[in-house]
Amino acid sequence: MDLSLILMCVGIIIILISFFTRGSKKKVEKEVEELSMSFYQENNQLKRRLKAVEEELLLSSNVPTTFPKQKKVTAPAVAAINQILVSQVLALHEQGYSLSEITQRSSLSSEQIALILQTGVTK
């Protein structure tokens, strides 16, 4: 009889514990639901931002990239050109690209590129 009494006490204790743990289960469920809602909202915001960036890129790709031809470029004009563009032109030239290919790949005119190559090679 002692064993059956012990088992009955353990069962009653387990039942009492289950009543107290129900509140924490609901609390965890509520936290998970709030977390999933915030994740869903953030995901939608990121999708909207990505869509806006894609639209901007599509709009900017429709803008014509032809620039009017510039007149004769002098040596001070090379100094005014961004150093990043100068290094890009020199790197493309070292890779074996022709003058027309470098003109297509950069935003500079062929006269500017020729002047950069003349001054860059002699340095």
PDB file of N, CA and C in Angstrom:
ATOM      1  N   MET A   1       0.793  -1.189   0.000  1.00  0.00           N
ATOM      2  CA  MET A   1       0.000   0.000   0.000  1.00  0.00           C
ATOM      3  C   MET A   1       0.835   1.253   0.000  1.00  0.00           C
ATOM      4  N   ASP A   2       1.982   1.145   0.509  1.00  0.00           N
ATOM      5  CA  ASP A   2       2.841   2.317   0.530  1.00  0.00           C
ATOM      6  C   ASP A   2       3.187   2.778  -0.893  1.00  0.00           C
ATOM      7  N   LEU A   3       3.384   1.842  -1.761  1.00  0.00           N
ATOM      8  CA  LEU A   3       3.734   2.194  -3.138  1.00  0.00           C
ATOM      9  C   LEU A   3       2.568   2.896  -3.825  1.00  0.00           C
ATOM     10  N   SER A   4       1.379   2.413  -3.659  1.00  0.00           N
ATOM     11  CA  SER A   4       0.218   3.049  -4.290  1.00  0.00           C
ATOM     12  C   SER A   4      -0.033   4.436  -3.708  1.00  0.00           C
ATOM     13  N   LEU A   5       0.232   4.612  -2.430  1.00  0.00           N
ATOM     14  CA  LEU A   5       0.077   5.932  -1.808  1.00  0.00           C
ATOM     15  C   LEU A   5       1.115   6.921  -2.341  1.00  0.00           C
ATOM     16  N   ILE A   6       2.329   6.455  -2.500  1.00  0.00           N
ATOM     17  CA  ILE A   6       3.405   7.302  -3.044  1.00  0.00           C
ATOM     18  C   ILE A   6       3.084   7.680  -4.485  1.00  0.00           C
ATOM     19  N   LEU A   7       2.627   6.733  -5.298  1.00  0.00           N
ATOM     20  CA  LEU A   7       2.296   7.017  -6.695  1.00  0.00           C
ATOM     21  C   LEU A   7       1.134   8.005  -6.796  1.00  0.00           C
ATOM     22  N   MET A   8       0.144   7.870  -5.891  1.00  0.00           N
ATOM     23  CA  MET A   8      -0.981   8.787  -5.903  1.00  0.00           C
ATOM     24  C   MET A   8      -0.532  10.199  -5.515  1.00  0.00           C
ATOM     25  N   CYS A   9       0.370  10.326  -4.554  1.00  0.00           N
ATOM     26  CA  CYS A   9       0.897  11.643  -4.163  1.00  0.00           C
ATOM     27  C   CYS A   9       1.694  12.273  -5.294  1.00  0.00           C
ATOM     28  N   VAL A  10       2.508  11.487  -5.942  1.00  0.00           N
ATOM     29  CA  VAL A  10       3.300  11.992  -7.068  1.00  0.00           C
ATOM     30  C   VAL A  10       2.369  12.452  -8.189  1.00  0.00           C
ATOM     31  N   GLY A  11       1.314  11.709  -8.451  1.00  0.00           N
ATOM     32  CA  GLY A  11       0.349  12.088  -9.485  1.00  0.00           C
ATOM     33  C   GLY A  11      -0.336  13.390  -9.160  1.00  0.00           C
ATOM     34  N   ILE A  12      -0.728  13.566  -7.907  1.00  0.00           N
ATOM     35  CA  ILE A  12      -1.384  14.807  -7.489  1.00  0.00           C
ATOM     36  C   ILE A  12      -0.417  15.990  -7.619  1.00  0.00           C
ATOM     37  N   ILE A  13       0.832  15.783  -7.250  1.00  0.00           N
ATOM     38  CA  ILE A  13       1.849  16.852  -7.371  1.00  0.00           C
ATOM     39  C   ILE A  13       2.053  17.228  -8.830  1.00  0.00           C
ATOM     40  N   ILE A  14       2.110  16.241  -9.695  1.00  0.00           N
ATOM     41  CA  ILE A  14       2.294  16.515 -11.128  1.00  0.00           C
ATOM     42  C   ILE A  14       1.100  17.287 -11.682  1.00  0.00           C
ATOM     43  N   ILE A  15      -0.103  16.928 -11.254  1.00  0.00           N
ATOM     44  CA  ILE A  15      -1.298  17.641 -11.712  1.00  0.00           C
ATOM     45  C   ILE A  15      -1.267  19.090 -11.236  1.00  0.00           C
ATOM     46  N   LEU A  16      -0.866  19.305  -9.990  1.00  0.00           N
ATOM     47  CA  LEU A  16      -0.762  20.680  -9.481  1.00  0.00           C
ATOM     48  C   LEU A  16       0.290  21.482 -10.233  1.00  0.00           C
ATOM     49  N   ILE A  17       1.407  20.876 -10.529  1.00  0.00           N
ATOM     50  CA  ILE A  17       2.465  21.563 -11.285  1.00  0.00           C
ATOM     51  C   ILE A  17       1.969  21.928 -12.681  1.00  0.00           C
ATOM     52  N   SER A  18       1.175  21.047 -13.281  1.00  0.00           N
ATOM     53  CA  SER A  18       0.688  21.336 -14.638  1.00  0.00           C
ATOM     54  C   SER A  18      -0.231  22.561 -14.654  1.00  0.00           C
ATOM     55  N   PHE A  19      -0.964  22.791 -13.562  1.00  0.00           N
ATOM     56  CA  PHE A  19      -1.808  23.987 -13.500  1.00  0.00           C
ATOM     57  C   PHE A  19      -0.980  25.267 -13.487  1.00  0.00           C
ATOM     58  N   PHE A  20       0.160  25.227 -12.818  1.00  0.00           N
ATOM     59  CA  PHE A  20       1.001  26.417 -12.736  1.00  0.00           C
ATOM     60  C   PHE A  20       1.799  26.663 -14.011  1.00  0.00           C
ATOM     61  N   THR A  21       2.094  25.635 -14.758  1.00  0.00           N
ATOM     62  CA  THR A  21       2.899  25.812 -15.976  1.00  0.00           C
ATOM     63  C   THR A  21       2.059  26.233 -17.169  1.00  0.00           C
ATOM     64  N   ARG A  22       0.761  26.161 -17.088  1.00  0.00           N
ATOM     65  CA  ARG A  22      -0.077  26.583 -18.214  1.00  0.00           C
ATOM     66  C   ARG A  22       0.081  28.060 -18.509  1.00  0.00           C
ATOM     67  N   GLY A  23       0.201  28.892 -17.500  1.00  0.00           N
ATOM     68  CA  GLY A  23       0.360  30.328 -17.697  1.00  0.00           C
ATOM     69  C   GLY A  23       1.658  30.647 -18.422  1.00  0.00           C
ATOM     70  N   SER A  24       2.717  29.952 -18.110  1.00  0.00           N
ATOM     71  CA  SER A  24       3.992  30.208 -18.773  1.00  0.00           C
ATOM     72  C   SER A  24       3.946  29.734 -20.226  1.00  0.00           C
ATOM     73  N   LYS A  25       3.182  28.677 -20.487  1.00  0.00           N
ATOM     74  CA  LYS A  25       3.048  28.201 -21.868  1.00  0.00           C
ATOM     75  C   LYS A  25       2.332  29.249 -22.717  1.00  0.00           C
ATOM     76  N   LYS A  26       1.282  29.834 -22.178  1.00  0.00           N
ATOM     77  CA  LYS A  26       0.567  30.870 -22.922  1.00  0.00           C
ATOM     78  C   LYS A  26       1.453  32.097 -23.125  1.00  0.00           C
ATOM     79  N   LYS A  27       2.258  32.395 -22.128  1.00  0.00           N
ATOM     80  CA  LYS A  27       3.165  33.532 -22.242  1.00  0.00           C
ATOM     81  C   LYS A  27       4.183  33.297 -23.350  1.00  0.00           C
ATOM     82  N   VAL A  28       4.726  32.099 -23.418  1.00  0.00           N
ATOM     83  CA  VAL A  28       5.697  31.767 -24.469  1.00  0.00           C
ATOM     84  C   VAL A  28       5.024  31.812 -25.833  1.00  0.00           C
ATOM     85  N   GLU A  29       3.794  31.285 -25.923  1.00  0.00           N
ATOM     86  CA  GLU A  29       3.065  31.334 -27.194  1.00  0.00           C
ATOM     87  C   GLU A  29       2.834  32.775 -27.637  1.00  0.00           C
ATOM     88  N   LYS A  30       2.496  33.641 -26.694  1.00  0.00           N
ATOM     89  CA  LYS A  30       2.267  35.046 -27.019  1.00  0.00           C
ATOM     90  C   LYS A  30       3.556  35.712 -27.500  1.00  0.00           C
ATOM     91  N   GLU A  31       4.667  35.424 -26.857  1.00  0.00           N
ATOM     92  CA  GLU A  31       5.953  35.995 -27.269  1.00  0.00           C
ATOM     93  C   GLU A  31       6.351  35.516 -28.665  1.00  0.00           C
ATOM     94  N   VAL A  32       6.118  34.230 -28.934  1.00  0.00           N
ATOM     95  CA  VAL A  32       6.443  33.697 -30.266  1.00  0.00           C
ATOM     96  C   VAL A  32       5.564  34.359 -31.319  1.00  0.00           C
ATOM     97  N   GLU A  33       4.295  34.561 -31.007  1.00  0.00           N
ATOM     98  CA  GLU A  33       3.395  35.212 -31.952  1.00  0.00           C
ATOM     99  C   GLU A  33       3.831  36.655 -32.222  1.00  0.00           C
ATOM    100  N   GLU A  34       4.214  37.389 -31.173  1.00  0.00           N
ATOM    101  CA  GLU A  34       4.682  38.768 -31.346  1.00  0.00           C
ATOM    102  C   GLU A  34       5.966  38.806 -32.164  1.00  0.00           C
ATOM    103  N   LEU A  35       6.846  37.855 -31.902  1.00  0.00           N
ATOM    104  CA  LEU A  35       8.104  37.789 -32.652  1.00  0.00           C
ATOM    105  C   LEU A  35       7.852  37.502 -34.126  1.00  0.00           C
ATOM    106  N   SER A  36       6.952  36.588 -34.405  1.00  0.00           N
ATOM    107  CA  SER A  36       6.660  36.275 -35.805  1.00  0.00           C
ATOM    108  C   SER A  36       6.000  37.455 -36.510  1.00  0.00           C
ATOM    109  N   MET A  37       5.144  38.204 -35.800  1.00  0.00           N
ATOM    110  CA  MET A  37       4.524  39.383 -36.409  1.00  0.00           C
ATOM    111  C   MET A  37       5.555  40.466 -36.701  1.00  0.00           C
ATOM    112  N   SER A  38       6.483  40.693 -35.771  1.00  0.00           N
ATOM    113  CA  SER A  38       7.511  41.702 -36.019  1.00  0.00           C
ATOM    114  C   SER A  38       8.425  41.271 -37.160  1.00  0.00           C
ATOM    115  N   PHE A  39       8.728  39.979 -37.249  1.00  0.00           N
ATOM    116  CA  PHE A  39       9.543  39.479 -38.360  1.00  0.00           C
ATOM    117  C   PHE A  39       8.822  39.674 -39.684  1.00  0.00           C
ATOM    118  N   TYR A  40       7.522  39.392 -39.694  1.00  0.00           N
ATOM    119  CA  TYR A  40       6.720  39.568 -40.902  1.00  0.00           C
ATOM    120  C   TYR A  40       6.694  41.030 -41.339  1.00  0.00           C
ATOM    121  N   GLN A  41       6.534  41.945 -40.388  1.00  0.00           N
ATOM    122  CA  GLN A  41       6.501  43.372 -40.713  1.00  0.00           C
ATOM    123  C   GLN A  41       7.847  43.845 -41.242  1.00  0.00           C
ATOM    124  N   GLU A  42       8.942  43.424 -40.606  1.00  0.00           N
ATOM    125  CA  GLU A  42      10.271  43.803 -41.082  1.00  0.00           C
ATOM    126  C   GLU A  42      10.541  43.247 -42.469  1.00  0.00           C
ATOM    127  N   ASN A  43      10.100  42.029 -42.710  1.00  0.00           N
ATOM    128  CA  ASN A  43      10.282  41.414 -44.017  1.00  0.00           C
ATOM    129  C   ASN A  43       9.536  42.205 -45.091  1.00  0.00           C
ATOM    130  N   ASN A  44       8.318  42.632 -44.795  1.00  0.00           N
ATOM    131  CA  ASN A  44       7.558  43.439 -45.754  1.00  0.00           C
ATOM    132  C   ASN A  44       8.224  44.788 -46.004  1.00  0.00           C
ATOM    133  N   GLN A  45       8.758  45.421 -44.961  1.00  0.00           N
ATOM    134  CA  GLN A  45       9.461  46.691 -45.143  1.00  0.00           C
ATOM    135  C   GLN A  45      10.681  46.519 -46.036  1.00  0.00           C
ATOM    136  N   LEU A  46      11.430  45.447 -45.819  1.00  0.00           N
ATOM    137  CA  LEU A  46      12.602  45.198 -46.658  1.00  0.00           C
ATOM    138  C   LEU A  46      12.202  44.949 -48.107  1.00  0.00           C
ATOM    139  N   LYS A  47      11.115  44.243 -48.318  1.00  0.00           N
ATOM    140  CA  LYS A  47      10.646  43.999 -49.687  1.00  0.00           C
ATOM    141  C   LYS A  47      10.260  45.307 -50.368  1.00  0.00           C
ATOM    142  N   ARG A  48       9.589  46.201 -49.609  1.00  0.00           N
ATOM    143  CA  ARG A  48       9.212  47.499 -50.192  1.00  0.00           C
ATOM    144  C   ARG A  48      10.445  48.321 -50.540  1.00  0.00           C
ATOM    145  N   ARG A  49      11.432  48.317 -49.642  1.00  0.00           N
ATOM    146  CA  ARG A  49      12.661  49.070 -49.920  1.00  0.00           C
ATOM    147  C   ARG A  49      13.393  48.501 -51.124  1.00  0.00           C
ATOM    148  N   LEU A  50      13.458  47.185 -51.207  1.00  0.00           N
ATOM    149  CA  LEU A  50      14.126  46.537 -52.337  1.00  0.00           C
ATOM    150  C   LEU A  50      13.415  46.866 -53.637  1.00  0.00           C
ATOM    151  N   LYS A  51      12.099  46.871 -53.614  1.00  0.00           N
ATOM    152  CA  LYS A  51      11.328  47.215 -54.801  1.00  0.00           C
ATOM    153  C   LYS A  51      11.606  48.651 -55.226  1.00  0.00           C
ATOM    154  N   ALA A  52      11.707  49.568 -54.260  1.00  0.00           N
ATOM    155  CA  ALA A  52      11.993  50.967 -54.582  1.00  0.00           C
ATOM    156  C   ALA A  52      13.382  51.111 -55.196  1.00  0.00           C
ATOM    157  N   VAL A  53      14.350  50.391 -54.658  1.00  0.00           N
ATOM    158  CA  VAL A  53      15.707  50.452 -55.206  1.00  0.00           C
ATOM    159  C   VAL A  53      15.731  49.878 -56.620  1.00  0.00           C
ATOM    160  N   GLU A  54      15.029  48.772 -56.836  1.00  0.00           N
ATOM    161  CA  GLU A  54      14.973  48.196 -58.176  1.00  0.00           C
ATOM    162  C   GLU A  54      14.336  49.163 -59.167  1.00  0.00           C
ATOM    163  N   GLU A  55      13.280  49.855 -58.748  1.00  0.00           N
ATOM    164  CA  GLU A  55      12.642  50.835 -59.632  1.00  0.00           C
ATOM    165  C   GLU A  55      13.584  51.988 -59.946  1.00  0.00           C
ATOM    166  N   GLU A  56      14.347  52.436 -58.945  1.00  0.00           N
ATOM    167  CA  GLU A  56      15.317  53.506 -59.188  1.00  0.00           C
ATOM    168  C   GLU A  56      16.385  53.059 -60.174  1.00  0.00           C
ATOM    169  N   LEU A  57      16.838  51.820 -60.036  1.00  0.00           N
ATOM    170  CA  LEU A  57      17.847  51.314 -60.956  1.00  0.00           C
ATOM    171  C   LEU A  57      17.288  51.196 -62.368  1.00  0.00           C
ATOM    172  N   LEU A  58      16.047  50.762 -62.485  1.00  0.00           N
ATOM    173  CA  LEU A  58      15.438  50.679 -63.809  1.00  0.00           C
ATOM    174  C   LEU A  58      15.267  52.052 -64.422  1.00  0.00           C
ATOM    175  N   LEU A  59      14.886  53.045 -63.608  1.00  0.00           N
ATOM    176  CA  LEU A  59      14.726  54.402 -64.123  1.00  0.00           C
ATOM    177  C   LEU A  59      16.062  54.985 -64.534  1.00  0.00           C
ATOM    178  N   SER A  60      17.103  54.728 -63.749  1.00  0.00           N
ATOM    179  CA  SER A  60      18.408  55.290 -64.088  1.00  0.00           C
ATOM    180  C   SER A  60      19.014  54.593 -65.300  1.00  0.00           C
ATOM    181  N   SER A  61      18.630  53.342 -65.575  1.00  0.00           N
ATOM    182  CA  SER A  61      19.166  52.661 -66.751  1.00  0.00           C
ATOM    183  C   SER A  61      18.510  53.170 -68.029  1.00  0.00           C
ATOM    184  N   ASN A  62      17.342  53.797 -67.922  1.00  0.00           N
ATOM    185  CA  ASN A  62      16.677  54.351 -69.089  1.00  0.00           C
ATOM    186  C   ASN A  62      17.233  55.708 -69.495  1.00  0.00           C
ATOM    187  N   VAL A  63      18.024  56.341 -68.651  1.00  0.00           N
ATOM    188  CA  VAL A  63      18.610  57.635 -68.953  1.00  0.00           C
ATOM    189  C   VAL A  63      19.725  57.437 -69.973  1.00  0.00           C
ATOM    190  N   PRO A  64      19.731  58.189 -71.060  1.00  0.00           N
ATOM    191  CA  PRO A  64      20.782  58.004 -72.049  1.00  0.00           C
ATOM    192  C   PRO A  64      22.149  58.360 -71.472  1.00  0.00           C
ATOM    193  N   THR A  65      23.154  57.573 -71.859  1.00  0.00           N
ATOM    194  CA  THR A  65      24.493  57.773 -71.320  1.00  0.00           C
ATOM    195  C   THR A  65      25.411  58.473 -72.311  1.00  0.00           C
ATOM    196  N   THR A  66      24.880  59.073 -73.343  1.00  0.00           N
ATOM    197  CA  THR A  66      25.724  59.782 -74.292  1.00  0.00           C
ATOM    198  C   THR A  66      25.967  61.190 -73.787  1.00  0.00           C
ATOM    199  N   PHE A  67      27.194  61.590 -73.834  1.00  0.00           N
ATOM    200  CA  PHE A  67      27.577  62.920 -73.385  1.00  0.00           C
ATOM    201  C   PHE A  67      28.079  63.707 -74.583  1.00  0.00           C
ATOM    202  N   PRO A  68      27.901  65.014 -74.573  1.00  0.00           N
ATOM    203  CA  PRO A  68      28.404  65.800 -75.693  1.00  0.00           C
ATOM    204  C   PRO A  68      29.934  65.748 -75.731  1.00  0.00           C
ATOM    205  N   LYS A  69      30.473  65.765 -76.934  1.00  0.00           N
ATOM    206  CA  LYS A  69      31.925  65.730 -77.109  1.00  0.00           C
ATOM    207  C   LYS A  69      32.531  67.000 -76.546  1.00  0.00           C
ATOM    208  N   GLN A  70      33.623  66.828 -75.840  1.00  0.00           N
ATOM    209  CA  GLN A  70      34.299  67.982 -75.283  1.00  0.00           C
ATOM    210  C   GLN A  70      35.395  68.430 -76.235  1.00  0.00           C
ATOM    211  N   LYS A  71      35.755  69.670 -76.075  1.00  0.00           N
ATOM    212  CA  LYS A  71      36.822  70.199 -76.906  1.00  0.00           C
ATOM    213  C   LYS A  71      38.156  69.729 -76.361  1.00  0.00           C
ATOM    214  N   LYS A  72      39.210  70.279 -76.853  1.00  0.00           N
ATOM    215  CA  LYS A  72      40.568  69.882 -76.495  1.00  0.00           C
ATOM    216  C   LYS A  72      40.759  69.908 -74.984  1.00  0.00           C
ATOM    217  N   VAL A  73      41.347  68.849 -74.462  1.00  0.00           N
ATOM    218  CA  VAL A  73      41.580  68.731 -73.036  1.00  0.00           C
ATOM    219  C   VAL A  73      43.030  69.076 -72.754  1.00  0.00           C
ATOM    220  N   THR A  74      43.253  69.905 -71.763  1.00  0.00           N
ATOM    221  CA  THR A  74      44.601  70.311 -71.419  1.00  0.00           C
ATOM    222  C   THR A  74      45.081  69.567 -70.187  1.00  0.00           C
ATOM    223  N   ALA A  75      46.362  69.707 -69.847  1.00  0.00           N
ATOM    224  CA  ALA A  75      46.947  69.014 -68.709  1.00  0.00           C
ATOM    225  C   ALA A  75      46.291  69.388 -67.384  1.00  0.00           C
ATOM    226  N   PRO A  76      45.924  70.659 -67.141  1.00  0.00           N
ATOM    227  CA  PRO A  76      45.229  70.942 -65.881  1.00  0.00           C
ATOM    228  C   PRO A  76      43.887  70.220 -65.763  1.00  0.00           C
ATOM    229  N   ALA A  77      43.275  69.895 -66.915  1.00  0.00           N
ATOM    230  CA  ALA A  77      42.004  69.183 -66.871  1.00  0.00           C
ATOM    231  C   ALA A  77      42.186  67.768 -66.338  1.00  0.00           C
ATOM    232  N   VAL A  78      43.356  67.168 -66.574  1.00  0.00           N
ATOM    233  CA  VAL A  78      43.631  65.824 -66.055  1.00  0.00           C
ATOM    234  C   VAL A  78      43.683  65.868 -64.539  1.00  0.00           C
ATOM    235  N   ALA A  79      44.236  66.932 -63.987  1.00  0.00           N
ATOM    236  CA  ALA A  79      44.296  67.059 -62.534  1.00  0.00           C
ATOM    237  C   ALA A  79      42.900  67.196 -61.944  1.00  0.00           C
ATOM    238  N   ALA A  80      41.962  67.764 -62.708  1.00  0.00           N
ATOM    239  CA  ALA A  80      40.602  67.933 -62.222  1.00  0.00           C
ATOM    240  C   ALA A  80      39.811  66.627 -62.276  1.00  0.00           C
ATOM    241  N   ILE A  81      40.286  65.679 -63.084  1.00  0.00           N
ATOM    242  CA  ILE A  81      39.597  64.388 -63.180  1.00  0.00           C
ATOM    243  C   ILE A  81      39.850  63.606 -61.902  1.00  0.00           C
ATOM    244  N   ASN A  82      38.853  62.953 -61.431  1.00  0.00           N
ATOM    245  CA  ASN A  82      38.940  62.175 -60.203  1.00  0.00           C
ATOM    246  C   ASN A  82      40.071  61.145 -60.311  1.00  0.00           C
ATOM    247  N   GLN A  83      40.849  61.012 -59.255  1.00  0.00           N
ATOM    248  CA  GLN A  83      41.988  60.091 -59.250  1.00  0.00           C
ATOM    249  C   GLN A  83      41.531  58.646 -59.428  1.00  0.00           C
ATOM    250  N   ILE A  84      40.340  58.316 -58.968  1.00  0.00           N
ATOM    251  CA  ILE A  84      39.819  56.958 -59.137  1.00  0.00           C
ATOM    252  C   ILE A  84      39.625  56.651 -60.615  1.00  0.00           C
ATOM    253  N   LEU A  85      39.097  57.635 -61.375  1.00  0.00           N
ATOM    254  CA  LEU A  85      38.908  57.434 -62.808  1.00  0.00           C
ATOM    255  C   LEU A  85      40.249  57.295 -63.519  1.00  0.00           C
ATOM    256  N   VAL A  86      41.223  58.082 -63.089  1.00  0.00           N
ATOM    257  CA  VAL A  86      42.558  58.000 -63.694  1.00  0.00           C
ATOM    258  C   VAL A  86      43.149  56.620 -63.471  1.00  0.00           C
ATOM    259  N   SER A  87      43.067  56.126 -62.237  1.00  0.00           N
ATOM    260  CA  SER A  87      43.617  54.799 -61.954  1.00  0.00           C
ATOM    261  C   SER A  87      42.836  53.714 -62.681  1.00  0.00           C
ATOM    262  N   GLN A  88      41.528  53.914 -62.860  1.00  0.00           N
ATOM    263  CA  GLN A  88      40.732  52.940 -63.602  1.00  0.00           C
ATOM    264  C   GLN A  88      41.167  52.904 -65.066  1.00  0.00           C
ATOM    265  N   VAL A  89      41.360  54.071 -65.657  1.00  0.00           N
ATOM    266  CA  VAL A  89      41.785  54.135 -67.058  1.00  0.00           C
ATOM    267  C   VAL A  89      43.157  53.477 -67.224  1.00  0.00           C
ATOM    268  N   LEU A  90      44.073  53.779 -66.312  1.00  0.00           N
ATOM    269  CA  LEU A  90      45.413  53.180 -66.401  1.00  0.00           C
ATOM    270  C   LEU A  90      45.360  51.669 -66.217  1.00  0.00           C
ATOM    271  N   ALA A  91      44.509  51.196 -65.312  1.00  0.00           N
ATOM    272  CA  ALA A  91      44.389  49.753 -65.091  1.00  0.00           C
ATOM    273  C   ALA A  91      43.806  49.061 -66.319  1.00  0.00           C
ATOM    274  N   LEU A  92      42.793  49.677 -66.932  1.00  0.00           N
ATOM    275  CA  LEU A  92      42.213  49.091 -68.145  1.00  0.00           C
ATOM    276  C   LEU A  92      43.225  49.065 -69.280  1.00  0.00           C
ATOM    277  N   HIS A  93      44.038  50.123 -69.376  1.00  0.00           N
ATOM    278  CA  HIS A  93      45.064  50.171 -70.411  1.00  0.00           C
ATOM    279  C   HIS A  93      46.114  49.081 -70.195  1.00  0.00           C
ATOM    280  N   GLU A  94      46.487  48.866 -68.924  1.00  0.00           N
ATOM    281  CA  GLU A  94      47.455  47.815 -68.620  1.00  0.00           C
ATOM    282  C   GLU A  94      46.893  46.431 -68.898  1.00  0.00           C
ATOM    283  N   GLN A  95      45.580  46.281 -68.819  1.00  0.00           N
ATOM    284  CA  GLN A  95      44.944  44.995 -69.099  1.00  0.00           C
ATOM    285  C   GLN A  95      44.805  44.747 -70.603  1.00  0.00           C
ATOM    286  N   GLY A  96      45.142  45.731 -71.403  1.00  0.00           N
ATOM    287  CA  GLY A  96      45.141  45.547 -72.847  1.00  0.00           C
ATOM    288  C   GLY A  96      43.912  46.067 -73.561  1.00  0.00           C
ATOM    289  N   TYR A  97      43.078  46.837 -72.886  1.00  0.00           N
ATOM    290  CA  TYR A  97      41.895  47.393 -73.540  1.00  0.00           C
ATOM    291  C   TYR A  97      42.299  48.536 -74.465  1.00  0.00           C
ATOM    292  N   SER A  98      41.582  48.648 -75.581  1.00  0.00           N
ATOM    293  CA  SER A  98      41.863  49.727 -76.527  1.00  0.00           C
ATOM    294  C   SER A  98      41.212  51.022 -76.043  1.00  0.00           C
ATOM    295  N   LEU A  99      41.540  52.111 -76.733  1.00  0.00           N
ATOM    296  CA  LEU A  99      41.021  53.424 -76.368  1.00  0.00           C
ATOM    297  C   LEU A  99      39.492  53.453 -76.446  1.00  0.00           C
ATOM    298  N   SER A 100      38.928  52.873 -77.496  1.00  0.00           N
ATOM    299  CA  SER A 100      37.461  52.885 -77.642  1.00  0.00           C
ATOM    300  C   SER A 100      36.784  52.021 -76.575  1.00  0.00           C
ATOM    301  N   GLU A 101      37.410  50.904 -76.187  1.00  0.00           N
ATOM    302  CA  GLU A 101      36.826  50.059 -75.138  1.00  0.00           C
ATOM    303  C   GLU A 101      36.870  50.764 -73.782  1.00  0.00           C
ATOM    304  N   ILE A 102      37.966  51.477 -73.528  1.00  0.00           N
ATOM    305  CA  ILE A 102      38.069  52.219 -72.270  1.00  0.00           C
ATOM    306  C   ILE A 102      37.043  53.346 -72.249  1.00  0.00           C
ATOM    307  N   THR A 103      36.805  53.984 -73.397  1.00  0.00           N
ATOM    308  CA  THR A 103      35.809  55.048 -73.483  1.00  0.00           C
ATOM    309  C   THR A 103      34.417  54.511 -73.154  1.00  0.00           C
ATOM    310  N   GLN A 104      34.107  53.309 -73.625  1.00  0.00           N
ATOM    311  CA  GLN A 104      32.807  52.707 -73.343  1.00  0.00           C
ATOM    312  C   GLN A 104      32.668  52.350 -71.864  1.00  0.00           C
ATOM    313  N   ARG A 105      33.753  51.934 -71.228  1.00  0.00           N
ATOM    314  CA  ARG A 105      33.694  51.484 -69.842  1.00  0.00           C
ATOM    315  C   ARG A 105      33.772  52.631 -68.831  1.00  0.00           C
ATOM    316  N   SER A 106      34.195  53.805 -69.255  1.00  0.00           N
ATOM    317  CA  SER A 106      34.301  54.927 -68.322  1.00  0.00           C
ATOM    318  C   SER A 106      33.395  56.064 -68.788  1.00  0.00           C
ATOM    319  N   SER A 107      33.300  57.089 -67.974  1.00  0.00           N
ATOM    320  CA  SER A 107      32.445  58.230 -68.312  1.00  0.00           C
ATOM    321  C   SER A 107      33.256  59.369 -68.929  1.00  0.00           C
ATOM    322  N   LEU A 108      34.452  59.070 -69.379  1.00  0.00           N
ATOM    323  CA  LEU A 108      35.330  60.105 -69.927  1.00  0.00           C
ATOM    324  C   LEU A 108      35.310  60.074 -71.445  1.00  0.00           C
ATOM    325  N   SER A 109      35.686  61.196 -72.044  1.00  0.00           N
ATOM    326  CA  SER A 109      35.766  61.247 -73.500  1.00  0.00           C
ATOM    327  C   SER A 109      37.081  60.618 -73.957  1.00  0.00           C
ATOM    328  N   SER A 110      37.159  60.345 -75.237  1.00  0.00           N
ATOM    329  CA  SER A 110      38.375  59.712 -75.771  1.00  0.00           C
ATOM    330  C   SER A 110      39.575  60.654 -75.664  1.00  0.00           C
ATOM    331  N   GLU A 111      39.337  61.978 -75.763  1.00  0.00           N
ATOM    332  CA  GLU A 111      40.436  62.930 -75.622  1.00  0.00           C
ATOM    333  C   GLU A 111      40.975  62.925 -74.193  1.00  0.00           C
ATOM    334  N   GLN A 112      40.077  62.857 -73.217  1.00  0.00           N
ATOM    335  CA  GLN A 112      40.512  62.812 -71.826  1.00  0.00           C
ATOM    336  C   GLN A 112      41.302  61.534 -71.551  1.00  0.00           C
ATOM    337  N   ILE A 113      40.832  60.438 -72.093  1.00  0.00           N
ATOM    338  CA  ILE A 113      41.514  59.159 -71.869  1.00  0.00           C
ATOM    339  C   ILE A 113      42.883  59.176 -72.518  1.00  0.00           C
ATOM    340  N   ALA A 114      42.971  59.732 -73.733  1.00  0.00           N
ATOM    341  CA  ALA A 114      44.270  59.804 -74.411  1.00  0.00           C
ATOM    342  C   ALA A 114      45.236  60.662 -73.607  1.00  0.00           C
ATOM    343  N   LEU A 115      44.773  61.770 -73.063  1.00  0.00           N
ATOM    344  CA  LEU A 115      45.634  62.631 -72.258  1.00  0.00           C
ATOM    345  C   LEU A 115      46.065  61.935 -70.965  1.00  0.00           C
ATOM    346  N   ILE A 116      45.135  61.206 -70.350  1.00  0.00           N
ATOM    347  CA  ILE A 116      45.488  60.457 -69.134  1.00  0.00           C
ATOM    348  C   ILE A 116      46.554  59.404 -69.457  1.00  0.00           C
ATOM    349  N   LEU A 117      46.372  58.707 -70.572  1.00  0.00           N
ATOM    350  CA  LEU A 117      47.348  57.679 -70.937  1.00  0.00           C
ATOM    351  C   LEU A 117      48.706  58.294 -71.262  1.00  0.00           C
ATOM    352  N   GLN A 118      48.712  59.478 -71.884  1.00  0.00           N
ATOM    353  CA  GLN A 118      49.976  60.125 -72.193  1.00  0.00           C
ATOM    354  C   GLN A 118      50.689  60.548 -70.917  1.00  0.00           C
ATOM    355  N   THR A 119      49.958  61.190 -70.009  1.00  0.00           N
ATOM    356  CA  THR A 119      50.578  61.647 -68.781  1.00  0.00           C
ATOM    357  C   THR A 119      50.821  60.509 -67.807  1.00  0.00           C
ATOM    358  N   GLY A 120      49.964  59.491 -67.813  1.00  0.00           N
ATOM    359  CA  GLY A 120      50.119  58.367 -66.901  1.00  0.00           C
ATOM    360  C   GLY A 120      51.263  57.467 -67.257  1.00  0.00           C
ATOM    361  N   VAL A 121      51.511  57.261 -68.549  1.00  0.00           N
ATOM    362  CA  VAL A 121      52.592  56.380 -68.996  1.00  0.00           C
ATOM    363  C   VAL A 121      53.928  57.048 -68.789  1.00  0.00           C
ATOM    364  N   THR A 122      53.995  58.385 -68.964  1.00  0.00           N
ATOM    365  CA  THR A 122      55.275  59.061 -68.815  1.00  0.00           C
ATOM    366  C   THR A 122      55.676  59.270 -67.366  1.00  0.00           C
ATOM    367  N   LYS A 123      54.720  59.131 -66.395  1.00  0.00           N
ATOM    368  CA  LYS A 123      55.049  59.366 -64.988  1.00  0.00           C
ATOM    369  C   LYS A 123      55.932  58.283 -64.439  1.00  0.00           C
TER     370      LYS A 123
END
